[in-house]
């Protein structure tokens, strides 16, 4: 069977499974739509959280970035994994105890203010849209290659699928679909990694293969360093970013993850606070499997790409270049008419242009793995993008139906109408996300990095101080969010859209790139919140009691009094 036939079979089977689950677990009430009725087991929730969290950026883009950035790409690994730990330990259990469906709901109640809720809704929608645009782009890339359609058509097909099970099943449908999607995506990620590791280094464990030797006895990483320096690039294992920028990007990704609304909601779907902690632990194990494999996939992909293309005759180009050439994501131009492909650092002489986002998807083809493995990776990439897109659409729809309508503008809306509003909001969100998927502002992981920067600058300080400070009041929260978010948006927009020519290390503030500026926005938010809440009246007594109650486990006060 050819790649196309295998793709139709595997993608068709996985889609049938997702849609079947969505129909089986239709949401009948707002509680089921928002938090799956609160009855999901910790193991299933751990898998669903892992699928929700490992988006197209993790599956498709991250190893692609590391392939081309080498050592510098490790900021994405450290940031996203560290962020998950931060979320599981610092935020999830407390928010679960507070018992709110959404982050704006927590912000609105904790800061006893409609304005704070509205600012949080705007932040949630903004971050979710930025992030979901990256997922839609990922869906488009997978469809365009494996179903041989235009990227635009691919995005539209993805929109229809996501809409079907997000709107029908709500959180209940999404949770069980994500369990299935995790199984598909992790299998699809590991199978080619194990195959290629055995072929290149003889070691079936990709994580160990990365440090292994290739056929001629040279260590794989040393061989890669040599090949790249010969072509004028920096060595694969050398870092070129400044330490301060690495620190700020890693921190922005970590803290941004911890403030991401669609992951926090997952901790409300389990019955008890103890289960929220358990599911966080399970999720970390499931996430680590993919994240520890990514550097190996990145190095294998780069090595295979260089050996099959660099200085090879254009007349006998490997088949994968032709296959991916149809999508427009890879192109060969013989600039010096010598009939060979020159892949070099100098853009005037470089004859091979590659979109970073294709490395993971093209990897099995470059390594000449069987067709079923190539199709499996396509199905895995779709599972990763669709699971996160569904979670984000739910955040957008609940922010509009629950936080804007029910809690702000139409308090007496009936449950039935609230559910209709949530479904309409999800539909509108899919259409807008699809538009950004077709006309993306940057490639997948870059767009997602912005979303994390914005989440870091807006949500994180408000949630942390809301949990750990009884003195933090609504004025501090509102002004902190506004200052942090505005500063971060202006900085990113200036260097990325208004004056991209100035986007050089010498022009950045303190040497911090737009990808890392969310950390500075967050620090500003903390300072402004702290100062303003000290200059204005403290929160009402019942709010201060509530904050104390969230942090101190039930029974602890009685036990202390008893002693």
Protein backbone atom coordinates (compact mmCIF):
# COMPACT_ATOMS: atom_id res chain seq x y z
CA UNK A 1 0.00 0.00 0.00
CA UNK A 2 1.18 3.54 -0.79
CA UNK A 3 1.57 6.40 1.71
CA UNK A 4 -1.74 7.97 0.63
CA UNK A 5 -3.71 4.72 1.12
CA UNK A 6 -2.11 4.11 4.53
CA UNK A 7 -2.82 7.73 5.53
CA UNK A 8 -6.49 7.48 4.59
CA UNK A 9 -6.73 4.24 6.54
CA UNK A 10 -4.95 5.36 9.75
CA UNK A 11 -6.33 8.93 9.83
CA UNK A 12 -9.79 7.61 8.94
CA UNK A 13 -9.70 5.03 11.74
CA UNK A 14 -8.44 7.53 14.33
CA UNK A 15 -11.08 10.13 13.29
CA UNK A 16 -13.83 7.52 13.46
CA UNK A 17 -12.64 6.70 16.99
CA UNK A 18 -12.64 10.39 18.08
CA UNK A 19 -16.08 11.07 16.60
CA UNK A 20 -17.48 7.84 18.08
CA UNK A 21 -16.21 8.91 21.52
CA UNK A 22 -17.70 12.41 21.07
CA UNK A 23 -21.13 10.94 20.26
CA UNK A 24 -20.91 8.41 23.12
CA UNK A 25 -19.99 11.11 25.66
CA UNK A 26 -22.24 13.99 24.59
CA UNK A 27 -22.54 16.76 27.17
CA UNK A 28 -26.05 17.19 28.52
CA UNK A 29 -25.43 19.87 31.18
CA UNK A 30 -23.17 22.91 31.55
CA UNK A 31 -21.19 21.00 34.21
CA UNK A 32 -20.51 18.20 31.73
CA UNK A 33 -19.72 20.74 29.00
CA UNK A 34 -17.28 22.73 31.17
CA UNK A 35 -15.66 20.11 33.45
CA UNK A 36 -16.89 16.67 32.24
CA UNK A 37 -19.18 16.39 35.28
CA UNK A 38 -16.11 16.19 37.56
CA UNK A 39 -15.96 12.39 37.38
CA UNK A 40 -12.81 11.54 35.37
CA UNK A 41 -10.27 9.08 36.86
CA UNK A 42 -6.75 10.45 37.62
CA UNK A 43 -5.09 8.11 35.07
CA UNK A 44 -7.46 9.09 32.24
CA UNK A 45 -7.16 12.74 33.25
CA UNK A 46 -3.35 12.44 33.25
CA UNK A 47 -3.44 11.15 29.67
CA UNK A 48 -5.94 13.79 28.60
CA UNK A 49 -3.83 16.53 30.24
CA UNK A 50 -0.72 15.25 28.43
CA UNK A 51 -2.56 15.28 25.09
CA UNK A 52 -4.03 18.71 25.82
CA UNK A 53 -0.63 20.06 26.71
CA UNK A 54 1.45 18.44 23.94
CA UNK A 55 0.23 20.44 21.04
CA UNK A 56 1.29 20.66 17.41
CA UNK A 57 4.14 22.80 18.75
CA UNK A 58 5.42 19.91 20.89
CA UNK A 59 4.80 17.18 18.34
CA UNK A 60 5.55 18.90 15.03
CA UNK A 61 7.56 22.02 15.73
CA UNK A 62 9.74 21.44 18.76
CA UNK A 63 12.07 18.77 17.32
CA UNK A 64 12.12 20.79 14.07
CA UNK A 65 13.32 23.85 15.98
CA UNK A 66 15.96 21.82 17.82
CA UNK A 67 17.08 20.30 14.47
CA UNK A 68 17.92 23.74 13.10
CA UNK A 69 18.83 25.57 16.33
CA UNK A 70 20.80 22.71 17.89
CA UNK A 71 21.70 23.42 21.52
CA UNK A 72 19.74 26.71 21.54
CA UNK A 73 16.51 24.80 20.90
CA UNK A 74 16.77 23.29 24.38
CA UNK A 75 15.03 26.39 25.83
CA UNK A 76 11.73 24.99 24.51
CA UNK A 77 12.37 21.63 26.18
CA UNK A 78 13.30 23.13 29.55
CA UNK A 79 10.60 25.80 29.49
CA UNK A 80 7.64 23.62 28.61
CA UNK A 81 8.57 20.73 30.88
CA UNK A 82 9.46 22.99 33.82
CA UNK A 83 6.24 24.92 33.32
CA UNK A 84 4.21 21.81 33.71
CA UNK A 85 5.90 21.01 37.05
CA UNK A 86 5.24 24.55 38.25
CA UNK A 87 1.56 24.26 37.30
CA UNK A 88 1.11 20.88 38.98
CA UNK A 89 2.75 21.92 42.27
CA UNK A 90 1.89 25.60 42.68
CA UNK A 91 -1.44 26.21 41.01
CA UNK A 92 -3.58 23.20 40.17
CA UNK A 93 -4.44 21.91 43.67
CA UNK A 94 -5.31 25.38 45.01
CA UNK A 95 -7.47 26.32 42.02
CA UNK A 96 -9.18 22.94 42.30
CA UNK A 97 -9.93 23.64 45.96
CA UNK A 98 -11.29 27.06 45.05
CA UNK A 99 -13.71 25.20 42.76
CA UNK A 100 -13.90 27.51 39.74
CA UNK A 101 -14.38 26.35 36.14
CA UNK A 102 -12.22 28.98 34.45
CA UNK A 103 -9.32 31.32 35.22
CA UNK A 104 -11.47 34.47 34.66
CA UNK A 105 -13.98 32.92 37.09
CA UNK A 106 -11.23 32.59 39.73
CA UNK A 107 -9.99 36.13 39.02
CA UNK A 108 -13.53 37.60 39.14
CA UNK A 109 -14.43 35.97 42.46
CA UNK A 110 -11.05 36.29 44.17
CA UNK A 111 -10.79 39.97 43.22
CA UNK A 112 -14.54 40.63 43.82
CA UNK A 113 -14.67 42.67 40.61
CA UNK A 114 -16.40 42.52 37.21
CA UNK A 115 -13.62 44.64 35.71
CA UNK A 116 -10.93 42.16 36.83
CA UNK A 117 -13.05 39.33 35.36
CA UNK A 118 -13.39 41.18 32.04
CA UNK A 119 -9.64 41.91 31.83
CA UNK A 120 -9.00 38.19 32.54
CA UNK A 121 -11.54 37.17 29.84
CA UNK A 122 -9.77 39.40 27.29
CA UNK A 123 -6.39 37.86 28.28
CA UNK A 124 -7.75 34.30 28.11
CA UNK A 125 -9.30 34.83 24.68
CA UNK A 126 -6.21 36.59 23.35
CA UNK A 127 -3.78 33.91 24.58
CA UNK A 128 -6.04 31.07 23.41
CA UNK A 129 -6.43 32.54 19.92
CA UNK A 130 -2.70 33.10 19.55
CA UNK A 131 -2.13 29.51 20.59
CA UNK A 132 -4.92 27.90 18.58
CA UNK A 133 -3.72 29.62 15.38
CA UNK A 134 -0.49 27.61 15.74
CA UNK A 135 -2.47 24.36 16.11
CA UNK A 136 -4.54 25.07 13.01
CA UNK A 137 -1.37 25.74 11.04
CA UNK A 138 -0.04 22.35 12.22
CA UNK A 139 -3.25 20.63 11.09
CA UNK A 140 -2.94 22.34 7.69
CA UNK A 141 0.66 21.18 7.23
CA UNK A 142 -0.18 17.54 8.07
CA UNK A 143 -3.21 17.43 5.77
CA UNK A 144 -1.42 19.19 2.91
CA UNK A 145 1.36 16.60 2.81
CA UNK A 146 -0.45 13.39 3.65
CA UNK A 147 -3.77 13.95 1.88
CA UNK A 148 -2.02 15.91 -0.90
CA UNK A 149 -4.27 18.96 -0.63
CA UNK A 150 -3.47 22.68 -0.28
CA UNK A 151 -2.60 23.89 3.27
CA UNK A 152 -5.76 26.07 3.16
CA UNK A 153 -7.94 23.02 2.42
CA UNK A 154 -6.15 21.12 5.19
CA UNK A 155 -6.97 23.84 7.73
CA UNK A 156 -10.64 23.82 6.70
CA UNK A 157 -10.89 20.00 7.08
CA UNK A 158 -9.29 20.32 10.54
CA UNK A 159 -11.74 23.07 11.51
CA UNK A 160 -14.73 20.87 10.66
CA UNK A 161 -13.41 17.88 12.68
CA UNK A 162 -12.51 19.93 15.78
CA UNK A 163 -15.81 21.77 15.66
CA UNK A 164 -17.72 18.50 15.55
CA UNK A 165 -16.39 16.96 18.73
CA UNK A 166 -15.66 20.14 20.72
CA UNK A 167 -19.14 21.56 20.17
CA UNK A 168 -20.96 18.27 20.60
CA UNK A 169 -19.13 16.77 23.57
CA UNK A 170 -17.78 19.79 25.43
CA UNK A 171 -15.22 18.90 28.09
CA UNK A 172 -16.71 15.44 28.57
CA UNK A 173 -16.30 14.55 24.88
CA UNK A 174 -12.90 16.23 24.69
CA UNK A 175 -11.50 14.41 27.76
CA UNK A 176 -12.13 10.91 26.44
CA UNK A 177 -11.15 11.90 22.91
CA UNK A 178 -7.86 13.23 24.31
CA UNK A 179 -7.12 9.91 26.03
CA UNK A 180 -7.39 8.24 22.59
CA UNK A 181 -5.37 11.05 21.00
CA UNK A 182 -2.56 10.64 23.54
CA UNK A 183 -2.28 6.94 22.71
CA UNK A 184 -2.17 7.73 18.97
CA UNK A 185 0.33 10.60 19.25
CA UNK A 186 2.80 8.87 21.57
CA UNK A 187 2.79 5.67 19.49
CA UNK A 188 3.29 7.75 16.34
CA UNK A 189 6.18 9.67 17.92
CA UNK A 190 8.03 6.69 19.39
CA UNK A 191 7.80 4.12 16.55
CA UNK A 192 9.87 6.11 13.99
CA UNK A 193 12.25 7.31 16.74
CA UNK A 194 13.01 3.69 17.73
CA UNK A 195 13.36 2.58 14.07
CA UNK A 196 15.77 5.42 13.19
CA UNK A 197 17.77 5.01 16.42
CA UNK A 198 18.37 1.34 15.57
CA UNK A 199 19.28 2.17 11.94
CA UNK A 200 21.77 4.94 12.84
CA UNK A 201 23.29 3.82 16.14
CA UNK A 202 22.14 0.24 16.70
CA UNK A 203 20.45 1.29 19.98
CA UNK A 204 16.67 0.79 20.26
CA UNK A 205 16.32 3.51 22.94
CA UNK A 206 16.34 6.90 21.13
CA UNK A 207 17.44 8.80 24.28
CA UNK A 208 20.60 6.63 24.41
CA UNK A 209 20.97 6.59 20.61
CA UNK A 210 21.48 10.36 20.76
CA UNK A 211 24.74 9.79 22.61
CA UNK A 212 25.67 6.73 20.51
CA UNK A 213 28.02 6.21 17.55
CA UNK A 214 27.12 6.12 13.85
CA UNK A 215 28.31 3.35 11.48
CA UNK A 216 31.90 4.66 11.12
CA UNK A 217 32.40 4.71 14.92
CA UNK A 218 32.15 8.52 15.32
CA UNK A 219 29.73 9.78 18.01
CA UNK A 220 26.55 11.02 16.28
CA UNK A 221 26.73 14.53 17.81
CA UNK A 222 30.43 14.95 16.92
CA UNK A 223 29.64 13.90 13.34
CA UNK A 224 26.77 16.44 13.18
CA UNK A 225 29.03 19.21 14.53
CA UNK A 226 31.59 18.44 11.82
CA UNK A 227 29.03 18.31 8.99
CA UNK A 228 27.43 21.63 10.01
CA UNK A 229 30.68 23.57 10.54
CA UNK A 230 31.84 22.40 7.10
CA UNK A 231 28.71 24.04 5.61
CA UNK A 232 29.32 27.32 7.50
CA UNK A 233 26.78 26.76 10.33
CA UNK A 234 27.50 26.90 14.06
CA UNK A 235 28.27 23.46 15.60
CA UNK A 236 25.10 21.58 16.59
CA UNK A 237 26.12 21.30 20.25
CA UNK A 238 27.26 24.94 20.65
CA UNK A 239 25.00 27.61 22.16
CA UNK A 240 24.84 30.97 20.36
CA UNK A 241 22.18 32.73 22.48
CA UNK A 242 23.23 34.89 25.44
CA UNK A 243 22.65 33.35 28.88
CA UNK A 244 20.22 36.13 29.88
CA UNK A 245 18.07 35.49 26.79
CA UNK A 246 18.06 31.72 27.38
CA UNK A 247 17.01 32.36 30.98
CA UNK A 248 14.22 34.80 30.02
CA UNK A 249 12.81 32.62 27.20
CA UNK A 250 12.85 29.51 29.44
CA UNK A 251 11.15 31.44 32.27
CA UNK A 252 8.51 32.91 29.90
CA UNK A 253 7.69 29.44 28.58
CA UNK A 254 7.60 27.94 32.09
CA UNK A 255 5.45 30.60 33.68
CA UNK A 256 3.32 30.94 30.55
CA UNK A 257 2.54 27.22 30.67
CA UNK A 258 1.52 27.54 34.27
CA UNK A 259 -0.91 30.32 33.35
CA UNK A 260 -2.41 28.58 30.32
CA UNK A 261 -6.17 28.46 30.83
CA UNK A 262 -6.90 25.24 28.90
CA UNK A 263 -4.55 23.12 31.05
CA UNK A 264 -5.76 24.52 34.39
CA UNK A 265 -9.37 23.55 33.54
CA UNK A 266 -8.28 19.90 33.34
CA UNK A 267 -7.81 19.77 37.13
CA UNK A 268 -11.52 20.43 37.68
CA UNK A 269 -12.55 17.27 35.84
CA UNK A 270 -11.50 14.87 38.65
CA UNK A 271 -13.63 14.12 41.74
CA UNK A 272 -11.21 15.18 44.53
CA UNK A 273 -8.24 17.51 45.19
CA UNK A 274 -6.06 14.42 45.84
CA UNK A 275 -6.97 13.16 42.36
CA UNK A 276 -5.89 16.50 40.87
CA UNK A 277 -2.39 15.96 42.32
CA UNK A 278 -2.32 12.33 41.14
CA UNK A 279 -3.38 13.20 37.61
CA UNK A 280 -0.68 15.92 37.51
CA UNK A 281 1.91 13.22 38.35
CA UNK A 282 0.61 10.82 35.70
CA UNK A 283 0.59 13.61 33.11
CA UNK A 284 4.22 14.44 33.86
CA UNK A 285 5.27 10.84 33.14
CA UNK A 286 3.26 10.78 29.89
CA UNK A 287 4.70 14.14 28.81
CA UNK A 288 8.29 13.13 29.68
CA UNK A 289 8.16 10.19 27.25
CA UNK A 290 7.78 12.60 24.30
CA UNK A 291 9.99 15.40 25.63
CA UNK A 292 13.02 13.20 26.35
CA UNK A 293 12.74 11.71 22.83
CA UNK A 294 12.52 15.06 20.98
CA UNK A 295 16.28 15.90 21.08
CA UNK A 296 17.06 12.46 19.59
CA UNK A 297 14.48 12.88 16.81
CA UNK A 298 15.90 16.36 16.08
CA UNK A 299 19.49 15.10 15.76
CA UNK A 300 18.51 12.02 13.70
CA UNK A 301 16.42 14.19 11.36
CA UNK A 302 19.21 16.73 10.80
CA UNK A 303 21.81 13.99 10.23
CA UNK A 304 19.62 12.13 7.71
CA UNK A 305 18.61 15.37 5.97
CA UNK A 306 22.27 16.39 5.46
CA UNK A 307 23.41 12.96 4.29
CA UNK A 308 20.56 12.58 1.75
CA UNK A 309 20.66 16.12 0.28
CA UNK A 310 23.89 18.08 0.84
CA UNK A 311 26.10 17.93 -2.29
CA UNK A 312 23.85 15.27 -3.84
CA UNK A 313 22.90 15.44 -7.56
CA UNK A 314 19.61 17.30 -8.18
CA UNK A 315 18.78 14.81 -10.97
CA UNK A 316 18.60 11.94 -8.47
CA UNK A 317 17.02 13.89 -5.59
CA UNK A 318 15.63 11.66 -2.81
CA UNK A 319 11.91 10.99 -3.16
CA UNK A 320 11.01 12.77 0.11
CA UNK A 321 12.18 16.13 -1.31
CA UNK A 322 9.80 15.74 -4.27
CA UNK A 323 6.92 14.60 -2.02
CA UNK A 324 7.28 17.58 0.33
CA UNK A 325 8.03 19.96 -2.57
CA UNK A 326 4.34 19.65 -3.59
CA UNK A 327 3.32 21.36 -0.33
CA UNK A 328 5.61 24.33 -1.02
CA UNK A 329 7.35 23.76 2.35
CA UNK A 330 10.66 22.71 0.78
CA UNK A 331 12.27 24.06 -2.39
CA UNK A 332 15.47 23.41 -4.36
CA UNK A 333 16.94 26.08 -6.69
CA UNK A 334 20.18 25.31 -8.55
CA UNK A 335 21.73 28.80 -8.25
CA UNK A 336 25.19 27.93 -9.62
CA UNK A 337 23.91 25.41 -12.23
CA UNK A 338 26.33 22.68 -11.14
CA UNK A 339 23.58 20.06 -10.81
CA UNK A 340 24.27 19.55 -7.05
CA UNK A 341 22.23 20.63 -4.00
CA UNK A 342 24.30 23.11 -1.94
CA UNK A 343 22.93 23.44 1.60
CA UNK A 344 25.03 26.22 3.19
CA UNK A 345 24.61 29.06 5.70
CA UNK A 346 25.13 31.88 3.15
CA UNK A 347 21.59 32.71 1.87
CA UNK A 348 22.96 33.82 -1.54
CA UNK A 349 24.51 30.40 -2.17
CA UNK A 350 22.03 28.19 -0.28
CA UNK A 351 19.97 26.12 -2.73
CA UNK A 352 17.72 24.25 -0.29
CA UNK A 353 15.01 26.04 1.70
CA UNK A 354 13.15 23.98 4.33
CA UNK A 355 10.24 24.95 6.57
CA UNK A 356 11.32 23.97 10.12
CA UNK A 357 7.85 22.59 10.83
CA UNK A 358 8.27 19.64 8.45
CA UNK A 359 11.25 17.94 10.12
CA UNK A 360 9.32 15.56 12.40
CA UNK A 361 6.72 14.71 9.77
CA UNK A 362 9.33 14.16 7.03
CA UNK A 363 11.73 12.25 9.31
CA UNK A 364 10.36 8.72 8.55
CA UNK A 365 10.43 9.47 4.80
CA UNK A 366 14.01 10.80 4.96
CA UNK A 367 15.03 7.60 6.78
CA UNK A 368 13.09 5.49 4.20
CA UNK A 369 10.90 3.82 6.80
CA UNK A 370 7.86 1.73 5.70
CA UNK A 371 4.84 3.64 4.37
CA UNK A 372 2.66 2.72 7.36
CA UNK A 373 5.12 4.47 9.72
CA UNK A 374 5.05 7.62 7.56
CA UNK A 375 1.23 7.64 7.65
CA UNK A 376 1.23 6.92 11.40
CA UNK A 377 3.29 10.09 12.06
CA UNK A 378 0.70 12.06 10.09
CA UNK A 379 -2.11 10.64 12.26
CA UNK A 380 -0.04 11.47 15.40
CA UNK A 381 0.56 15.06 14.31
CA UNK A 382 -3.17 15.49 13.74
CA UNK A 383 -3.97 13.98 17.15
CA UNK A 384 -1.56 16.42 18.84
CA UNK A 385 -2.91 19.49 17.04
CA UNK A 386 -6.60 18.56 17.34
CA UNK A 387 -6.45 17.68 21.06
CA UNK A 388 -4.96 21.05 22.00
CA UNK A 389 -7.15 22.98 19.56
CA UNK A 390 -10.25 21.39 21.15
CA UNK A 391 -9.12 22.31 24.68
CA UNK A 392 -8.43 25.90 23.61
CA UNK A 393 -11.76 26.28 21.83
CA UNK A 394 -13.47 25.16 25.00
CA UNK A 395 -11.63 27.91 26.95
CA UNK A 396 -12.75 30.52 24.42
CA UNK A 397 -16.35 29.30 24.43
CA UNK A 398 -16.59 29.07 28.25
CA UNK A 399 -14.94 32.49 28.64
CA UNK A 400 -17.67 33.96 26.44
CA UNK A 401 -20.72 31.97 27.66
CA UNK A 402 -19.84 31.57 31.36
CA UNK A 403 -17.66 34.59 32.22
CA UNK A 404 -19.01 37.23 29.86
CA UNK A 405 -22.68 36.31 29.58
CA UNK A 406 -23.64 34.49 32.79
CA UNK A 407 -21.27 36.22 35.23
CA UNK A 408 -21.22 39.71 33.70
CA UNK A 409 -23.98 40.70 31.29
CA UNK A 410 -26.91 38.21 31.45
CA UNK A 411 -26.85 36.79 35.02
CA UNK A 412 -30.30 35.17 34.72
CA UNK A 413 -29.53 33.20 31.51
CA UNK A 414 -30.96 29.64 31.62
CA UNK A 415 -28.64 26.63 31.59
CA UNK A 416 -29.97 25.59 28.16
CA UNK A 417 -29.25 29.02 26.65
CA UNK A 418 -25.80 29.13 28.29
CA UNK A 419 -24.98 25.82 26.59
CA UNK A 420 -26.21 27.17 23.23
CA UNK A 421 -24.08 30.31 23.71
CA UNK A 422 -21.01 28.15 24.51
CA UNK A 423 -21.52 26.12 21.31
CA UNK A 424 -22.03 29.24 19.16
CA UNK A 425 -18.91 30.84 20.67
CA UNK A 426 -16.90 27.68 19.89
CA UNK A 427 -18.12 27.79 16.28
CA UNK A 428 -17.09 31.44 15.85
CA UNK A 429 -13.74 30.69 17.50
CA UNK A 430 -13.01 27.82 15.07
CA UNK A 431 -13.64 30.09 12.08
CA UNK A 432 -11.30 32.83 13.39
CA UNK A 433 -8.65 30.26 14.36
CA UNK A 434 -8.89 28.75 10.89
CA UNK A 435 -8.26 32.16 9.34
CA UNK A 436 -5.08 32.55 11.41
CA UNK A 437 -4.08 28.99 10.48
CA UNK A 438 -4.24 29.92 6.78
CA UNK A 439 -2.49 33.30 7.23
CA UNK A 440 -0.23 32.55 10.20
CA UNK A 441 1.80 35.20 12.03
CA UNK A 442 5.09 33.17 12.05
CA UNK A 443 5.70 29.43 12.21
CA UNK A 444 3.96 27.17 14.72
CA UNK A 445 6.35 27.13 17.68
CA UNK A 446 7.09 30.87 17.38
CA UNK A 447 3.39 31.76 17.48
CA UNK A 448 2.95 29.48 20.46
CA UNK A 449 5.95 31.05 22.22
CA UNK A 450 4.13 34.42 21.98
CA UNK A 451 1.02 32.91 23.56
CA UNK A 452 3.16 31.71 26.47
CA UNK A 453 4.78 35.14 26.84
CA UNK A 454 1.35 36.80 26.98
CA UNK A 455 0.03 34.23 29.50
CA UNK A 456 3.13 34.80 31.66
CA UNK A 457 2.73 38.59 31.63
CA UNK A 458 -1.01 38.59 32.36
CA UNK A 459 -2.26 35.56 34.34
CA UNK A 460 0.56 34.14 36.37
CA UNK A 461 1.12 36.99 38.90
CA UNK A 462 -2.63 37.43 39.46
CA UNK A 463 -3.17 33.73 40.13
CA UNK A 464 -0.06 33.30 42.34
CA UNK A 465 -0.73 36.43 44.43
CA UNK A 466 -4.43 35.56 44.51
CA UNK A 467 -3.56 32.24 46.16
CA UNK A 468 -0.65 33.27 48.41
CA UNK A 469 -1.36 36.89 49.43
CA UNK A 470 -4.33 38.00 51.51
CA UNK A 471 -3.33 41.65 50.90
CA UNK A 472 -3.60 41.48 47.09
CA UNK A 473 -6.70 43.45 46.04
CA UNK A 474 -8.69 44.14 42.88
CA UNK A 475 -6.93 47.43 42.00
CA UNK A 476 -3.53 45.71 42.10
CA UNK A 477 -4.77 42.77 40.00
CA UNK A 478 -6.42 44.92 37.31
CA UNK A 479 -3.51 47.34 36.86
CA UNK A 480 -0.93 44.55 37.04
CA UNK A 481 -2.63 42.61 34.21
CA UNK A 482 -3.08 45.73 32.06
CA UNK A 483 0.55 46.90 32.45
CA UNK A 484 2.10 43.43 31.99
CA UNK A 485 0.03 42.55 28.95
CA UNK A 486 0.34 45.96 27.24
CA UNK A 487 4.12 46.07 27.68
CA UNK A 488 4.54 42.53 26.30
CA UNK A 489 2.24 43.08 23.29
CA UNK A 490 3.93 46.38 22.37
CA UNK A 491 7.44 44.89 22.60
CA UNK A 492 6.58 41.79 20.55
CA UNK A 493 4.60 43.79 17.96
CA UNK A 494 7.41 46.33 17.50
CA UNK A 495 10.14 43.77 16.78
CA UNK A 496 8.02 41.22 14.95
CA UNK A 497 5.54 43.28 12.93
CA UNK A 498 6.23 47.06 13.01
CA UNK A 499 10.02 47.08 12.57
CA UNK A 500 11.26 43.50 11.99
CA UNK A 501 14.59 44.82 10.61
CA UNK A 502 15.45 46.04 14.15
CA UNK A 503 14.93 42.55 15.62
CA UNK A 504 18.64 42.13 16.48
CA UNK A 505 20.27 41.42 19.88
CA UNK A 506 21.90 44.87 19.98
CA UNK A 507 18.47 46.59 19.82
CA UNK A 508 16.72 44.43 22.45
CA UNK A 509 16.21 45.72 25.99
CA UNK A 510 18.87 44.13 28.23
CA UNK A 511 19.49 41.63 25.40
CA UNK A 512 16.06 39.99 25.84
CA UNK A 513 14.44 38.74 22.61
CA UNK A 514 10.68 39.11 21.86
CA UNK A 515 10.28 35.39 22.71
CA UNK A 516 11.55 36.00 26.25
CA UNK A 517 10.01 39.40 26.99
CA UNK A 518 6.96 37.84 28.69
CA UNK A 519 9.18 37.26 31.75
CA UNK A 520 9.91 40.98 32.03
CA UNK A 521 6.18 41.70 31.50
CA UNK A 522 5.45 39.30 34.36
CA UNK A 523 7.96 41.02 36.68
CA UNK A 524 6.38 44.39 35.83
CA UNK A 525 2.96 42.91 36.60
CA UNK A 526 4.20 41.68 40.02
CA UNK A 527 5.72 45.07 40.90
CA UNK A 528 2.66 47.10 39.79
CA UNK A 529 0.24 44.69 41.56
CA UNK A 530 2.27 44.77 44.77
CA UNK A 531 2.69 48.57 44.88
CA UNK A 532 -0.92 49.42 43.96
CA UNK A 533 -2.44 46.87 46.36
CA UNK A 534 -0.35 48.40 49.19
CA UNK A 535 -1.54 51.93 48.30
CA UNK A 536 -5.26 50.99 48.16
CA UNK A 537 -7.60 49.46 50.79
CA UNK A 538 -7.16 45.73 51.60
CA UNK A 539 -9.71 43.19 50.28
CA UNK A 540 -12.88 42.59 52.35
CA UNK A 541 -12.55 40.22 55.35
CA UNK A 542 -14.49 37.37 53.69
CA UNK A 543 -12.04 37.36 50.72
CA UNK A 544 -9.06 37.26 53.11
CA UNK A 545 -10.65 34.32 54.96
CA UNK A 546 -11.25 32.58 51.63
CA UNK A 547 -7.56 32.92 50.66
CA UNK A 548 -6.48 31.49 54.03
CA UNK A 549 -8.94 28.62 53.56
CA UNK A 550 -7.64 27.70 50.08
CA UNK A 551 -4.09 27.29 51.36
CA UNK A 552 -4.70 25.57 54.69
CA UNK A 553 -6.10 22.02 54.39
CA UNK A 554 -9.39 21.32 56.13
CA UNK A 555 -8.85 19.94 59.62
CA UNK A 556 -5.45 21.62 60.05
CA UNK A 557 -6.93 24.53 62.01
CA UNK A 558 -8.87 22.19 64.33
CA UNK A 559 -5.76 20.05 64.87
CA UNK A 560 -3.66 23.13 65.73
CA UNK A 561 -6.34 24.34 68.21
CA UNK A 562 -6.45 20.87 69.78
CA UNK A 563 -2.70 20.98 70.46
